[in-house]
Amino acid sequence: MTARIYQIPKNALQSGKARTDTWMLEFAPAEAKKPDPMTGWAGSGDTREQVKLSFADADAACAYCERNGISYAVVKTPPKTLKIQAYADNFR
């Protein structure tokens, strides 16, 4: 059982930064998804894929994994780059 710990990225459709300081723990899928013969929807018998735990910081998530014997990988957040541009730059 392996887990991935990452920080929630900012929503691209909104300007707010709510919940971007939250760290999430997701489990890696244990089996591949296969189409259901009746409906055709993709699914699997792995229920851990539905579990998402939130933590205040990465250290708390790592401590949870170590306490419960879960192997984990921390995904670092890429640095934020801003492109400063004025409206007048569109006409140069």
PDB file of N, CA and C in Angstrom:
ATOM      1  N   MET A   1       0.856  -1.169   0.000  1.00  0.00           N
ATOM      2  CA  MET A   1       0.000   0.000   0.000  1.00  0.00           C
ATOM      3  C   MET A   1       0.902   1.232   0.000  1.00  0.00           C
ATOM      4  N   THR A   2       0.816   2.034  -1.063  1.00  0.00           N
ATOM      5  CA  THR A   2       1.584   3.262  -1.155  1.00  0.00           C
ATOM      6  C   THR A   2       0.650   4.452  -1.249  1.00  0.00           C
ATOM      7  N   ALA A   3       1.137   5.583  -0.769  1.00  0.00           N
ATOM      8  CA  ALA A   3       0.327   6.796  -0.766  1.00  0.00           C
ATOM      9  C   ALA A   3       1.118   7.937  -1.385  1.00  0.00           C
ATOM     10  N   ARG A   4       0.391   8.929  -1.865  1.00  0.00           N
ATOM     11  CA  ARG A   4       0.994  10.130  -2.437  1.00  0.00           C
ATOM     12  C   ARG A   4       0.519  11.315  -1.614  1.00  0.00           C
ATOM     13  N   ILE A   5       1.451  12.134  -1.153  1.00  0.00           N
ATOM     14  CA  ILE A   5       1.129  13.323  -0.357  1.00  0.00           C
ATOM     15  C   ILE A   5       1.461  14.538  -1.208  1.00  0.00           C
ATOM     16  N   TYR A   6       0.481  15.423  -1.390  1.00  0.00           N
ATOM     17  CA  TYR A   6       0.686  16.603  -2.222  1.00  0.00           C
ATOM     18  C   TYR A   6      -0.134  17.767  -1.681  1.00  0.00           C
ATOM     19  N   GLN A   7       0.231  18.967  -2.112  1.00  0.00           N
ATOM     20  CA  GLN A   7      -0.502  20.167  -1.720  1.00  0.00           C
ATOM     21  C   GLN A   7      -1.507  20.491  -2.816  1.00  0.00           C
ATOM     22  N   ILE A   8      -2.705  20.897  -2.417  1.00  0.00           N
ATOM     23  CA  ILE A   8      -3.761  21.181  -3.387  1.00  0.00           C
ATOM     24  C   ILE A   8      -3.370  22.401  -4.223  1.00  0.00           C
ATOM     25  N   PRO A   9      -3.408  22.307  -5.561  1.00  0.00           N
ATOM     26  CA  PRO A   9      -3.078  23.474  -6.389  1.00  0.00           C
ATOM     27  C   PRO A   9      -4.239  24.463  -6.432  1.00  0.00           C
ATOM     28  N   LYS A  10      -3.920  25.672  -6.842  1.00  0.00           N
ATOM     29  CA  LYS A  10      -4.946  26.707  -6.988  1.00  0.00           C
ATOM     30  C   LYS A  10      -5.854  26.349  -8.152  1.00  0.00           C
ATOM     31  N   ASN A  11      -7.137  26.597  -7.984  1.00  0.00           N
ATOM     32  CA  ASN A  11      -8.098  26.330  -9.036  1.00  0.00           C
ATOM     33  C   ASN A  11      -7.864  27.306 -10.187  1.00  0.00           C
ATOM     34  N   ALA A  12      -7.714  26.812 -11.393  1.00  0.00           N
ATOM     35  CA  ALA A  12      -7.418  27.660 -12.539  1.00  0.00           C
ATOM     36  C   ALA A  12      -8.614  28.504 -12.968  1.00  0.00           C
ATOM     37  N   LEU A  13      -9.814  28.117 -12.589  1.00  0.00           N
ATOM     38  CA  LEU A  13     -11.001  28.838 -13.022  1.00  0.00           C
ATOM     39  C   LEU A  13     -11.408  29.958 -12.069  1.00  0.00           C
ATOM     40  N   GLN A  14     -10.752  30.061 -10.934  1.00  0.00           N
ATOM     41  CA  GLN A  14     -11.094  31.084  -9.959  1.00  0.00           C
ATOM     42  C   GLN A  14      -9.834  31.797  -9.513  1.00  0.00           C
ATOM     43  N   SER A  15     -10.004  33.040  -9.053  1.00  0.00           N
ATOM     44  CA  SER A  15      -8.844  33.811  -8.633  1.00  0.00           C
ATOM     45  C   SER A  15      -8.498  33.592  -7.169  1.00  0.00           C
ATOM     46  N   GLY A  16      -9.392  33.008  -6.397  1.00  0.00           N
ATOM     47  CA  GLY A  16      -9.146  32.795  -4.975  1.00  0.00           C
ATOM     48  C   GLY A  16      -8.146  31.693  -4.709  1.00  0.00           C
ATOM     49  N   LYS A  17      -7.568  31.715  -3.515  1.00  0.00           N
ATOM     50  CA  LYS A  17      -6.580  30.709  -3.135  1.00  0.00           C
ATOM     51  C   LYS A  17      -7.040  29.912  -1.916  1.00  0.00           C
ATOM     52  N   ALA A  18      -8.328  29.718  -1.772  1.00  0.00           N
ATOM     53  CA  ALA A  18      -8.861  28.984  -0.630  1.00  0.00           C
ATOM     54  C   ALA A  18      -8.404  27.528  -0.680  1.00  0.00           C
ATOM     55  N   ARG A  19      -8.051  26.979   0.481  1.00  0.00           N
ATOM     56  CA  ARG A  19      -7.651  25.586   0.671  1.00  0.00           C
ATOM     57  C   ARG A  19      -6.367  25.204  -0.046  1.00  0.00           C
ATOM     58  N   THR A  20      -5.566  26.173  -0.520  1.00  0.00           N
ATOM     59  CA  THR A  20      -4.315  25.834  -1.184  1.00  0.00           C
ATOM     60  C   THR A  20      -3.224  25.508  -0.178  1.00  0.00           C
ATOM     61  N   ASP A  21      -3.472  25.743   1.112  1.00  0.00           N
ATOM     62  CA  ASP A  21      -2.486  25.395   2.130  1.00  0.00           C
ATOM     63  C   ASP A  21      -2.736  23.999   2.700  1.00  0.00           C
ATOM     64  N   THR A  22      -3.744  23.303   2.201  1.00  0.00           N
ATOM     65  CA  THR A  22      -4.099  21.967   2.664  1.00  0.00           C
ATOM     66  C   THR A  22      -3.271  20.912   1.930  1.00  0.00           C
ATOM     67  N   TRP A  23      -2.823  19.913   2.669  1.00  0.00           N
ATOM     68  CA  TRP A  23      -2.080  18.790   2.088  1.00  0.00           C
ATOM     69  C   TRP A  23      -2.997  17.576   2.029  1.00  0.00           C
ATOM     70  N   MET A  24      -2.966  16.856   0.914  1.00  0.00           N
ATOM     71  CA  MET A  24      -3.827  15.695   0.707  1.00  0.00           C
ATOM     72  C   MET A  24      -3.004  14.415   0.671  1.00  0.00           C
ATOM     73  N   LEU A  25      -3.612  13.332   1.131  1.00  0.00           N
ATOM     74  CA  LEU A  25      -3.016  12.004   1.067  1.00  0.00           C
ATOM     75  C   LEU A  25      -3.951  11.132   0.250  1.00  0.00           C
ATOM     76  N   GLU A  26      -3.452  10.592  -0.852  1.00  0.00           N
ATOM     77  CA  GLU A  26      -4.229   9.689  -1.708  1.00  0.00           C
ATOM     78  C   GLU A  26      -3.468   8.377  -1.851  1.00  0.00           C
ATOM     79  N   PHE A  27      -4.193   7.299  -1.921  1.00  0.00           N
ATOM     80  CA  PHE A  27      -3.586   5.985  -2.097  1.00  0.00           C
ATOM     81  C   PHE A  27      -3.458   5.661  -3.575  1.00  0.00           C
ATOM     82  N   ALA A  28      -2.384   4.986  -3.921  1.00  0.00           N
ATOM     83  CA  ALA A  28      -2.175   4.546  -5.310  1.00  0.00           C
ATOM     84  C   ALA A  28      -3.143   3.403  -5.606  1.00  0.00           C
ATOM     85  N   PRO A  29      -3.638   3.312  -6.850  1.00  0.00           N
ATOM     86  CA  PRO A  29      -4.559   2.221  -7.181  1.00  0.00           C
ATOM     87  C   PRO A  29      -3.860   0.866  -7.096  1.00  0.00           C
ATOM     88  N   ALA A  30      -4.541  -0.096  -6.489  1.00  0.00           N
ATOM     89  CA  ALA A  30      -3.968  -1.439  -6.312  1.00  0.00           C
ATOM     90  C   ALA A  30      -4.237  -2.332  -7.518  1.00  0.00           C
ATOM     91  N   GLU A  31      -5.263  -2.025  -8.283  1.00  0.00           N
ATOM     92  CA  GLU A  31      -5.571  -2.833  -9.468  1.00  0.00           C
ATOM     93  C   GLU A  31      -6.062  -1.920 -10.582  1.00  0.00           C
ATOM     94  N   ALA A  32      -5.925  -2.384 -11.795  1.00  0.00           N
ATOM     95  CA  ALA A  32      -6.323  -1.596 -12.956  1.00  0.00           C
ATOM     96  C   ALA A  32      -7.844  -1.530 -13.069  1.00  0.00           C
ATOM     97  N   LYS A  33      -8.323  -0.443 -13.641  1.00  0.00           N
ATOM     98  CA  LYS A  33      -9.769  -0.313 -13.869  1.00  0.00           C
ATOM     99  C   LYS A  33     -10.154  -1.113 -15.104  1.00  0.00           C
ATOM    100  N   LYS A  34     -11.353  -1.666 -15.064  1.00  0.00           N
ATOM    101  CA  LYS A  34     -11.859  -2.437 -16.195  1.00  0.00           C
ATOM    102  C   LYS A  34     -13.308  -2.029 -16.432  1.00  0.00           C
ATOM    103  N   PRO A  35     -13.780  -2.121 -17.669  1.00  0.00           N
ATOM    104  CA  PRO A  35     -15.156  -1.722 -17.946  1.00  0.00           C
ATOM    105  C   PRO A  35     -16.168  -2.709 -17.352  1.00  0.00           C
ATOM    106  N   ASP A  36     -17.226  -2.174 -16.820  1.00  0.00           N
ATOM    107  CA  ASP A  36     -18.312  -2.993 -16.287  1.00  0.00           C
ATOM    108  C   ASP A  36     -19.083  -3.579 -17.473  1.00  0.00           C
ATOM    109  N   PRO A  37     -19.360  -4.875 -17.475  1.00  0.00           N
ATOM    110  CA  PRO A  37     -20.037  -5.469 -18.631  1.00  0.00           C
ATOM    111  C   PRO A  37     -21.462  -4.947 -18.826  1.00  0.00           C
ATOM    112  N   MET A  38     -22.101  -4.533 -17.753  1.00  0.00           N
ATOM    113  CA  MET A  38     -23.498  -4.090 -17.856  1.00  0.00           C
ATOM    114  C   MET A  38     -23.617  -2.644 -18.331  1.00  0.00           C
ATOM    115  N   THR A  39     -22.826  -1.740 -17.720  1.00  0.00           N
ATOM    116  CA  THR A  39     -22.968  -0.320 -18.023  1.00  0.00           C
ATOM    117  C   THR A  39     -21.853   0.228 -18.901  1.00  0.00           C
ATOM    118  N   GLY A  40     -20.689  -0.434 -18.902  1.00  0.00           N
ATOM    119  CA  GLY A  40     -19.567   0.067 -19.667  1.00  0.00           C
ATOM    120  C   GLY A  40     -18.720   1.078 -18.915  1.00  0.00           C
ATOM    121  N   TRP A  41     -19.107   1.419 -17.683  1.00  0.00           N
ATOM    122  CA  TRP A  41     -18.334   2.370 -16.889  1.00  0.00           C
ATOM    123  C   TRP A  41     -17.055   1.713 -16.404  1.00  0.00           C
ATOM    124  N   ALA A  42     -16.000   2.511 -16.274  1.00  0.00           N
ATOM    125  CA  ALA A  42     -14.725   1.995 -15.786  1.00  0.00           C
ATOM    126  C   ALA A  42     -14.763   1.954 -14.261  1.00  0.00           C
ATOM    127  N   GLY A  43     -14.294   0.854 -13.690  1.00  0.00           N
ATOM    128  CA  GLY A  43     -14.279   0.714 -12.244  1.00  0.00           C
ATOM    129  C   GLY A  43     -13.380  -0.431 -11.826  1.00  0.00           C
ATOM    130  N   SER A  44     -13.187  -0.535 -10.522  1.00  0.00           N
ATOM    131  CA  SER A  44     -12.382  -1.618  -9.978  1.00  0.00           C
ATOM    132  C   SER A  44     -12.901  -1.960  -8.590  1.00  0.00           C
ATOM    133  N   GLY A  45     -12.355  -3.008  -8.017  1.00  0.00           N
ATOM    134  CA  GLY A  45     -12.760  -3.429  -6.677  1.00  0.00           C
ATOM    135  C   GLY A  45     -11.949  -2.763  -5.584  1.00  0.00           C
ATOM    136  N   ASP A  46     -11.036  -1.871  -5.955  1.00  0.00           N
ATOM    137  CA  ASP A  46     -10.168  -1.204  -4.992  1.00  0.00           C
ATOM    138  C   ASP A  46     -10.913  -0.030  -4.372  1.00  0.00           C
ATOM    139  N   THR A  47     -11.218  -0.121  -3.078  1.00  0.00           N
ATOM    140  CA  THR A  47     -11.956   0.958  -2.410  1.00  0.00           C
ATOM    141  C   THR A  47     -11.034   2.020  -1.811  1.00  0.00           C
ATOM    142  N   ARG A  48      -9.740   1.717  -1.696  1.00  0.00           N
ATOM    143  CA  ARG A  48      -8.819   2.714  -1.136  1.00  0.00           C
ATOM    144  C   ARG A  48      -8.617   3.886  -2.083  1.00  0.00           C
ATOM    145  N   GLU A  49      -8.910   3.698  -3.347  1.00  0.00           N
ATOM    146  CA  GLU A  49      -8.759   4.779  -4.313  1.00  0.00           C
ATOM    147  C   GLU A  49      -9.743   5.919  -4.033  1.00  0.00           C
ATOM    148  N   GLN A  50     -10.825   5.631  -3.344  1.00  0.00           N
ATOM    149  CA  GLN A  50     -11.837   6.640  -3.029  1.00  0.00           C
ATOM    150  C   GLN A  50     -11.477   7.459  -1.795  1.00  0.00           C
ATOM    151  N   VAL A  51     -10.515   7.003  -1.010  1.00  0.00           N
ATOM    152  CA  VAL A  51     -10.163   7.661   0.245  1.00  0.00           C
ATOM    153  C   VAL A  51      -9.177   8.792  -0.023  1.00  0.00           C
ATOM    154  N   LYS A  52      -9.525   9.996   0.440  1.00  0.00           N
ATOM    155  CA  LYS A  52      -8.640  11.154   0.367  1.00  0.00           C
ATOM    156  C   LYS A  52      -8.644  11.799   1.741  1.00  0.00           C
ATOM    157  N   LEU A  53      -7.476  11.873   2.362  1.00  0.00           N
ATOM    158  CA  LEU A  53      -7.351  12.465   3.686  1.00  0.00           C
ATOM    159  C   LEU A  53      -6.677  13.822   3.566  1.00  0.00           C
ATOM    160  N   SER A  54      -7.150  14.802   4.330  1.00  0.00           N
ATOM    161  CA  SER A  54      -6.546  16.132   4.302  1.00  0.00           C
ATOM    162  C   SER A  54      -5.835  16.402   5.620  1.00  0.00           C
ATOM    163  N   PHE A  55      -4.705  17.120   5.531  1.00  0.00           N
ATOM    164  CA  PHE A  55      -3.887  17.448   6.687  1.00  0.00           C
ATOM    165  C   PHE A  55      -3.491  18.909   6.618  1.00  0.00           C
ATOM    166  N   ALA A  56      -3.153  19.474   7.764  1.00  0.00           N
ATOM    167  CA  ALA A  56      -2.768  20.882   7.829  1.00  0.00           C
ATOM    168  C   ALA A  56      -1.392  21.118   7.216  1.00  0.00           C
ATOM    169  N   ASP A  57      -0.487  20.159   7.349  1.00  0.00           N
ATOM    170  CA  ASP A  57       0.843  20.302   6.771  1.00  0.00           C
ATOM    171  C   ASP A  57       1.383  18.936   6.358  1.00  0.00           C
ATOM    172  N   ALA A  58       2.494  18.960   5.643  1.00  0.00           N
ATOM    173  CA  ALA A  58       3.070  17.723   5.119  1.00  0.00           C
ATOM    174  C   ALA A  58       3.623  16.848   6.238  1.00  0.00           C
ATOM    175  N   ASP A  59       4.127  17.464   7.300  1.00  0.00           N
ATOM    176  CA  ASP A  59       4.674  16.683   8.414  1.00  0.00           C
ATOM    177  C   ASP A  59       3.604  15.839   9.095  1.00  0.00           C
ATOM    178  N   ALA A  60       2.396  16.391   9.216  1.00  0.00           N
ATOM    179  CA  ALA A  60       1.303  15.638   9.826  1.00  0.00           C
ATOM    180  C   ALA A  60       0.907  14.448   8.956  1.00  0.00           C
ATOM    181  N   ALA A  61       0.916  14.635   7.653  1.00  0.00           N
ATOM    182  CA  ALA A  61       0.581  13.541   6.736  1.00  0.00           C
ATOM    183  C   ALA A  61       1.649  12.455   6.773  1.00  0.00           C
ATOM    184  N   CYS A  62       2.929  12.867   6.841  1.00  0.00           N
ATOM    185  CA  CYS A  62       4.026  11.895   6.929  1.00  0.00           C
ATOM    186  C   CYS A  62       3.962  11.128   8.241  1.00  0.00           C
ATOM    187  N   ALA A  63       3.636  11.820   9.327  1.00  0.00           N
ATOM    188  CA  ALA A  63       3.526  11.165  10.632  1.00  0.00           C
ATOM    189  C   ALA A  63       2.383  10.147  10.628  1.00  0.00           C
ATOM    190  N   TYR A  64       1.281  10.467   9.968  1.00  0.00           N
ATOM    191  CA  TYR A  64       0.155   9.538   9.867  1.00  0.00           C
ATOM    192  C   TYR A  64       0.581   8.265   9.128  1.00  0.00           C
ATOM    193  N   CYS A  65       1.318   8.434   8.026  1.00  0.00           N
ATOM    194  CA  CYS A  65       1.770   7.278   7.251  1.00  0.00           C
ATOM    195  C   CYS A  65       2.738   6.418   8.056  1.00  0.00           C
ATOM    196  N   GLU A  66       3.646   7.046   8.766  1.00  0.00           N
ATOM    197  CA  GLU A  66       4.609   6.288   9.563  1.00  0.00           C
ATOM    198  C   GLU A  66       3.941   5.567  10.728  1.00  0.00           C
ATOM    199  N   ARG A  67       2.939   6.189  11.323  1.00  0.00           N
ATOM    200  CA  ARG A  67       2.208   5.569  12.429  1.00  0.00           C
ATOM    201  C   ARG A  67       1.449   4.332  11.976  1.00  0.00           C
ATOM    202  N   ASN A  68       0.926   4.366  10.756  1.00  0.00           N
ATOM    203  CA  ASN A  68       0.103   3.269  10.250  1.00  0.00           C
ATOM    204  C   ASN A  68       0.850   2.332   9.311  1.00  0.00           C
ATOM    205  N   GLY A  69       2.151   2.510   9.147  1.00  0.00           N
ATOM    206  CA  GLY A  69       2.944   1.607   8.317  1.00  0.00           C
ATOM    207  C   GLY A  69       2.651   1.717   6.831  1.00  0.00           C
ATOM    208  N   ILE A  70       2.372   2.907   6.351  1.00  0.00           N
ATOM    209  CA  ILE A  70       2.068   3.137   4.940  1.00  0.00           C
ATOM    210  C   ILE A  70       3.293   3.755   4.280  1.00  0.00           C
ATOM    211  N   SER A  71       3.729   3.181   3.171  1.00  0.00           N
ATOM    212  CA  SER A  71       4.828   3.807   2.436  1.00  0.00           C
ATOM    213  C   SER A  71       4.259   4.991   1.657  1.00  0.00           C
ATOM    214  N   TYR A  72       5.039   6.069   1.561  1.00  0.00           N
ATOM    215  CA  TYR A  72       4.508   7.291   0.962  1.00  0.00           C
ATOM    216  C   TYR A  72       5.583   8.009   0.164  1.00  0.00           C
ATOM    217  N   ALA A  73       5.124   8.901  -0.697  1.00  0.00           N
ATOM    218  CA  ALA A  73       5.992   9.781  -1.470  1.00  0.00           C
ATOM    219  C   ALA A  73       5.399  11.179  -1.413  1.00  0.00           C
ATOM    220  N   VAL A  74       6.236  12.156  -1.064  1.00  0.00           N
ATOM    221  CA  VAL A  74       5.788  13.547  -0.986  1.00  0.00           C
ATOM    222  C   VAL A  74       6.093  14.217  -2.317  1.00  0.00           C
ATOM    223  N   VAL A  75       5.060  14.799  -2.928  1.00  0.00           N
ATOM    224  CA  VAL A  75       5.204  15.513  -4.192  1.00  0.00           C
ATOM    225  C   VAL A  75       5.332  16.991  -3.852  1.00  0.00           C
ATOM    226  N   LYS A  76       6.476  17.571  -4.154  1.00  0.00           N
ATOM    227  CA  LYS A  76       6.714  18.986  -3.855  1.00  0.00           C
ATOM    228  C   LYS A  76       5.900  19.872  -4.782  1.00  0.00           C
ATOM    229  N   THR A  77       5.452  21.007  -4.250  1.00  0.00           N
ATOM    230  CA  THR A  77       4.691  21.968  -5.029  1.00  0.00           C
ATOM    231  C   THR A  77       5.648  22.761  -5.914  1.00  0.00           C
ATOM    232  N   PRO A  78       5.369  22.882  -7.207  1.00  0.00           N
ATOM    233  CA  PRO A  78       6.265  23.664  -8.061  1.00  0.00           C
ATOM    234  C   PRO A  78       6.207  25.144  -7.684  1.00  0.00           C
ATOM    235  N   PRO A  79       7.307  25.881  -7.873  1.00  0.00           N
ATOM    236  CA  PRO A  79       7.291  27.308  -7.524  1.00  0.00           C
ATOM    237  C   PRO A  79       6.334  28.071  -8.421  1.00  0.00           C
ATOM    238  N   LYS A  80       5.709  29.077  -7.848  1.00  0.00           N
ATOM    239  CA  LYS A  80       4.753  29.894  -8.592  1.00  0.00           C
ATOM    240  C   LYS A  80       5.496  30.998  -9.323  1.00  0.00           C
ATOM    241  N   THR A  81       5.233  31.133 -10.604  1.00  0.00           N
ATOM    242  CA  THR A  81       5.845  32.187 -11.404  1.00  0.00           C
ATOM    243  C   THR A  81       4.746  33.113 -11.896  1.00  0.00           C
ATOM    244  N   LEU A  82       4.976  34.394 -11.773  1.00  0.00           N
ATOM    245  CA  LEU A  82       4.013  35.392 -12.221  1.00  0.00           C
ATOM    246  C   LEU A  82       4.559  36.102 -13.448  1.00  0.00           C
ATOM    247  N   LYS A  83       3.706  36.292 -14.420  1.00  0.00           N
ATOM    248  CA  LYS A  83       4.081  37.044 -15.604  1.00  0.00           C
ATOM    249  C   LYS A  83       3.452  38.431 -15.466  1.00  0.00           C
ATOM    250  N   ILE A  84       4.266  39.400 -15.098  1.00  0.00           N
ATOM    251  CA  ILE A  84       3.782  40.764 -14.922  1.00  0.00           C
ATOM    252  C   ILE A  84       3.667  41.398 -16.302  1.00  0.00           C
ATOM    253  N   GLN A  85       2.461  41.805 -16.630  1.00  0.00           N
ATOM    254  CA  GLN A  85       2.223  42.357 -17.953  1.00  0.00           C
ATOM    255  C   GLN A  85       1.178  43.453 -17.852  1.00  0.00           C
ATOM    256  N   ALA A  86       1.406  44.514 -18.534  1.00  0.00           N
ATOM    257  CA  ALA A  86       0.455  45.626 -18.595  1.00  0.00           C
ATOM    258  C   ALA A  86      -0.443  45.460 -19.820  1.00  0.00           C
ATOM    259  N   TYR A  87      -1.604  46.096 -19.789  1.00  0.00           N
ATOM    260  CA  TYR A  87      -2.524  46.008 -20.910  1.00  0.00           C
ATOM    261  C   TYR A  87      -1.902  46.642 -22.151  1.00  0.00           C
ATOM    262  N   ALA A  88      -1.063  47.656 -21.977  1.00  0.00           N
ATOM    263  CA  ALA A  88      -0.435  48.329 -23.119  1.00  0.00           C
ATOM    264  C   ALA A  88       0.533  47.418 -23.864  1.00  0.00           C
ATOM    265  N   ASP A  89       1.017  46.364 -23.205  1.00  0.00           N
ATOM    266  CA  ASP A  89       1.934  45.441 -23.875  1.00  0.00           C
ATOM    267  C   ASP A  89       1.264  44.676 -25.011  1.00  0.00           C
ATOM    268  N   ASN A  90      -0.060  44.622 -25.034  1.00  0.00           N
ATOM    269  CA  ASN A  90      -0.777  43.938 -26.109  1.00  0.00           C
ATOM    270  C   ASN A  90      -0.655  44.677 -27.449  1.00  0.00           C
ATOM    271  N   PHE A  91      -0.281  45.952 -27.420  1.00  0.00           N
ATOM    272  CA  PHE A  91      -0.252  46.776 -28.629  1.00  0.00           C
ATOM    273  C   PHE A  91       1.170  47.128 -29.057  1.00  0.00           C
ATOM    274  N   ARG A  92       2.162  46.456 -28.565  1.00  0.00           N
ATOM    275  CA  ARG A  92       3.546  46.736 -28.966  1.00  0.00           C
ATOM    276  C   ARG A  92       3.972  45.843 -30.085  1.00  0.00           C
TER     277      ARG A  92
END
